[in-house]
Structure formats: C-alpha cells, structure tokens
Amino acid sequence: MSKRFTAVISKENKWYVAHCVELGVVSQGKTIEEAQANLKEAVELYIESFGTEDLPESQGEVVFHPLEVVVSG
C-alpha cells in the first residue's frame, strides 16, 4: 500500500528544508534531492513508529503563488 503526502521544500541558508505538510515531519539536505530522500526516510520512520491508522493523505494538487503585500513600517 502506498500513501501520497505533500512535501514543501525551502532553502534556508545553505540547506534545503523539507516538510511533510500532513504529518508535520521535517528533514533537510544539502541538495533538493537529498532533502527529498531524507524526508521520505523520515516519513517512513514516522509511519513505522505510529502506524497507518488514521493517516491523513494529500487531498489534491498544491499550487504556490507569489503574494506581495504592502507593509507599512
């Protein structure tokens, strides 16, 4: 059985930080590929530890859109 989750990867300084939105699991890597692989391993360990009962699943397509707002300061 496989489950689909949403991963968000952002660059913070010299590291890529990967976050599984549904589970709150976070990992990192020096490249995007490394961050993805590390997050996959971390999610697998999370599921191994907490089981598959009541696991949320991604509900669809994720769309990122730049948002610019005026900030008075």
N, C-alpha and C. Protein backbone atom coordinates (compact mmCIF):
# COMPACT_ATOMS: atom_id res chain seq x y z
N MET A 1 0.84 -1.17 0.00
CA MET A 1 0.00 0.00 0.00
C MET A 1 0.89 1.24 0.00
N SER A 2 0.49 2.25 -0.72
CA SER A 2 1.24 3.50 -0.69
C SER A 2 0.29 4.64 -0.36
N LYS A 3 0.82 5.67 0.22
CA LYS A 3 0.08 6.87 0.59
C LYS A 3 0.75 8.05 -0.07
N ARG A 4 -0.03 9.06 -0.40
CA ARG A 4 0.51 10.27 -1.01
C ARG A 4 0.42 11.40 0.00
N PHE A 5 1.54 12.11 0.16
CA PHE A 5 1.63 13.24 1.06
C PHE A 5 2.16 14.46 0.29
N THR A 6 2.05 15.60 0.91
CA THR A 6 2.54 16.84 0.32
C THR A 6 3.87 17.23 0.96
N ALA A 7 4.89 17.46 0.15
CA ALA A 7 6.19 17.90 0.66
C ALA A 7 6.44 19.32 0.18
N VAL A 8 6.87 20.15 1.09
CA VAL A 8 7.26 21.52 0.77
C VAL A 8 8.75 21.64 1.08
N ILE A 9 9.52 22.11 0.11
CA ILE A 9 10.96 22.25 0.30
C ILE A 9 11.34 23.71 0.12
N SER A 10 12.05 24.24 1.10
CA SER A 10 12.51 25.62 1.01
C SER A 10 14.00 25.66 1.30
N LYS A 11 14.66 26.68 0.78
CA LYS A 11 16.09 26.82 1.02
C LYS A 11 16.29 27.79 2.17
N GLU A 12 17.04 27.34 3.17
CA GLU A 12 17.35 28.16 4.32
C GLU A 12 18.87 28.16 4.49
N ASN A 13 19.46 29.29 4.19
CA ASN A 13 20.92 29.41 4.17
C ASN A 13 21.50 28.41 3.19
N LYS A 14 22.32 27.47 3.65
CA LYS A 14 22.96 26.51 2.76
C LYS A 14 22.23 25.18 2.71
N TRP A 15 21.09 25.05 3.38
CA TRP A 15 20.36 23.79 3.48
C TRP A 15 19.00 23.89 2.81
N TYR A 16 18.52 22.78 2.29
CA TYR A 16 17.15 22.66 1.83
C TYR A 16 16.38 21.96 2.94
N VAL A 17 15.29 22.56 3.36
CA VAL A 17 14.47 22.01 4.44
C VAL A 17 13.19 21.47 3.82
N ALA A 18 12.92 20.19 4.08
CA ALA A 18 11.75 19.51 3.52
C ALA A 18 10.75 19.24 4.64
N HIS A 19 9.48 19.56 4.38
CA HIS A 19 8.44 19.45 5.39
C HIS A 19 7.27 18.67 4.81
N CYS A 20 6.84 17.62 5.48
CA CYS A 20 5.65 16.88 5.09
C CYS A 20 4.46 17.58 5.76
N VAL A 21 3.63 18.22 4.97
CA VAL A 21 2.55 19.06 5.48
C VAL A 21 1.58 18.27 6.35
N GLU A 22 1.14 17.13 5.88
CA GLU A 22 0.11 16.37 6.58
C GLU A 22 0.57 15.79 7.92
N LEU A 23 1.84 15.40 8.00
CA LEU A 23 2.34 14.73 9.21
C LEU A 23 3.17 15.63 10.11
N GLY A 24 3.62 16.76 9.60
CA GLY A 24 4.48 17.64 10.39
C GLY A 24 5.91 17.14 10.52
N VAL A 25 6.29 16.21 9.67
CA VAL A 25 7.65 15.66 9.69
C VAL A 25 8.57 16.59 8.89
N VAL A 26 9.76 16.85 9.42
CA VAL A 26 10.71 17.75 8.78
C VAL A 26 12.07 17.07 8.67
N SER A 27 12.76 17.33 7.56
CA SER A 27 14.14 16.86 7.39
C SER A 27 14.87 17.89 6.54
N GLN A 28 16.13 17.62 6.25
CA GLN A 28 16.91 18.58 5.47
C GLN A 28 17.98 17.88 4.67
N GLY A 29 18.59 18.62 3.75
CA GLY A 29 19.68 18.09 2.95
C GLY A 29 20.42 19.23 2.28
N LYS A 30 21.60 18.94 1.79
CA LYS A 30 22.41 19.97 1.12
C LYS A 30 21.93 20.22 -0.31
N THR A 31 21.16 19.28 -0.87
CA THR A 31 20.56 19.44 -2.19
C THR A 31 19.07 19.14 -2.07
N ILE A 32 18.31 19.53 -3.09
CA ILE A 32 16.87 19.22 -3.09
C ILE A 32 16.67 17.71 -3.06
N GLU A 33 17.44 17.00 -3.85
CA GLU A 33 17.31 15.54 -3.92
C GLU A 33 17.61 14.90 -2.58
N GLU A 34 18.64 15.39 -1.91
CA GLU A 34 19.00 14.85 -0.59
C GLU A 34 17.89 15.16 0.42
N ALA A 35 17.35 16.35 0.37
CA ALA A 35 16.26 16.72 1.28
C ALA A 35 15.04 15.84 1.03
N GLN A 36 14.72 15.58 -0.24
CA GLN A 36 13.59 14.71 -0.58
C GLN A 36 13.80 13.29 -0.04
N ALA A 37 14.99 12.75 -0.28
CA ALA A 37 15.30 11.40 0.18
C ALA A 37 15.27 11.31 1.70
N ASN A 38 15.81 12.32 2.37
CA ASN A 38 15.81 12.33 3.84
C ASN A 38 14.39 12.46 4.39
N LEU A 39 13.55 13.26 3.73
CA LEU A 39 12.16 13.39 4.18
C LEU A 39 11.42 12.08 3.97
N LYS A 40 11.63 11.43 2.85
CA LYS A 40 10.97 10.15 2.61
C LYS A 40 11.34 9.15 3.70
N GLU A 41 12.61 9.09 4.03
CA GLU A 41 13.05 8.18 5.09
C GLU A 41 12.43 8.57 6.43
N ALA A 42 12.37 9.87 6.73
CA ALA A 42 11.79 10.33 7.99
C ALA A 42 10.29 10.00 8.07
N VAL A 43 9.58 10.16 6.95
CA VAL A 43 8.15 9.82 6.92
C VAL A 43 7.96 8.31 7.11
N GLU A 44 8.79 7.52 6.47
CA GLU A 44 8.71 6.06 6.63
C GLU A 44 8.94 5.67 8.09
N LEU A 45 9.91 6.30 8.75
CA LEU A 45 10.17 6.02 10.16
C LEU A 45 9.01 6.48 11.04
N TYR A 46 8.41 7.60 10.70
CA TYR A 46 7.25 8.11 11.43
C TYR A 46 6.11 7.09 11.35
N ILE A 47 5.83 6.61 10.14
CA ILE A 47 4.75 5.64 9.96
C ILE A 47 5.07 4.33 10.66
N GLU A 48 6.33 3.92 10.62
CA GLU A 48 6.76 2.72 11.31
C GLU A 48 6.52 2.84 12.82
N SER A 49 6.75 4.03 13.36
CA SER A 49 6.61 4.27 14.79
C SER A 49 5.15 4.42 15.23
N PHE A 50 4.35 5.12 14.41
CA PHE A 50 2.99 5.46 14.83
C PHE A 50 1.90 4.67 14.11
N GLY A 51 2.26 3.86 13.13
CA GLY A 51 1.29 3.03 12.45
C GLY A 51 0.57 3.75 11.32
N THR A 52 -0.31 3.01 10.65
CA THR A 52 -1.00 3.53 9.49
C THR A 52 -2.44 3.94 9.78
N GLU A 53 -2.92 3.68 10.96
CA GLU A 53 -4.29 4.03 11.30
C GLU A 53 -4.45 5.55 11.36
N ASP A 54 -5.48 6.06 10.74
CA ASP A 54 -5.80 7.49 10.74
C ASP A 54 -4.73 8.37 10.08
N LEU A 55 -3.99 7.82 9.13
CA LEU A 55 -3.02 8.64 8.41
C LEU A 55 -3.74 9.56 7.45
N PRO A 56 -3.48 10.86 7.52
CA PRO A 56 -4.07 11.75 6.53
C PRO A 56 -3.39 11.54 5.18
N GLU A 57 -4.05 11.93 4.14
CA GLU A 57 -3.47 11.82 2.81
C GLU A 57 -3.67 13.14 2.07
N SER A 58 -2.76 13.45 1.20
CA SER A 58 -2.88 14.67 0.40
C SER A 58 -4.21 14.66 -0.32
N GLN A 59 -4.87 15.79 -0.32
CA GLN A 59 -6.20 15.88 -0.91
C GLN A 59 -6.21 16.36 -2.36
N GLY A 60 -5.09 16.73 -2.90
CA GLY A 60 -5.08 17.17 -4.28
C GLY A 60 -3.85 17.97 -4.63
N GLU A 61 -3.99 18.72 -5.69
CA GLU A 61 -2.89 19.50 -6.22
C GLU A 61 -2.57 20.68 -5.31
N VAL A 62 -1.29 20.94 -5.14
CA VAL A 62 -0.83 22.08 -4.36
C VAL A 62 -0.34 23.15 -5.33
N VAL A 63 -0.81 24.37 -5.15
CA VAL A 63 -0.42 25.46 -6.02
C VAL A 63 0.22 26.55 -5.18
N PHE A 64 1.42 26.95 -5.54
CA PHE A 64 2.10 28.04 -4.87
C PHE A 64 2.03 29.26 -5.77
N HIS A 65 1.71 30.37 -5.17
CA HIS A 65 1.58 31.61 -5.93
C HIS A 65 2.25 32.73 -5.13
N PRO A 66 3.15 33.49 -5.76
CA PRO A 66 3.78 34.60 -5.04
C PRO A 66 2.72 35.60 -4.61
N LEU A 67 2.82 36.07 -3.41
CA LEU A 67 1.89 37.05 -2.87
C LEU A 67 2.66 38.23 -2.35
N GLU A 68 2.35 39.39 -2.88
CA GLU A 68 3.04 40.60 -2.45
C GLU A 68 2.05 41.50 -1.73
N VAL A 69 2.42 41.95 -0.55
CA VAL A 69 1.56 42.85 0.21
C VAL A 69 2.36 44.07 0.63
N VAL A 70 1.67 45.17 0.82
CA VAL A 70 2.32 46.40 1.28
C VAL A 70 2.37 46.36 2.80
N VAL A 71 3.56 46.60 3.33
CA VAL A 71 3.77 46.61 4.77
C VAL A 71 4.26 48.00 5.15
N SER A 72 3.51 48.65 6.02
CA SER A 72 3.94 49.97 6.45
C SER A 72 4.86 49.79 7.66
N GLY A 73 5.86 50.59 7.72
CA GLY A 73 6.78 50.35 8.79
C GLY A 73 7.40 51.59 9.25
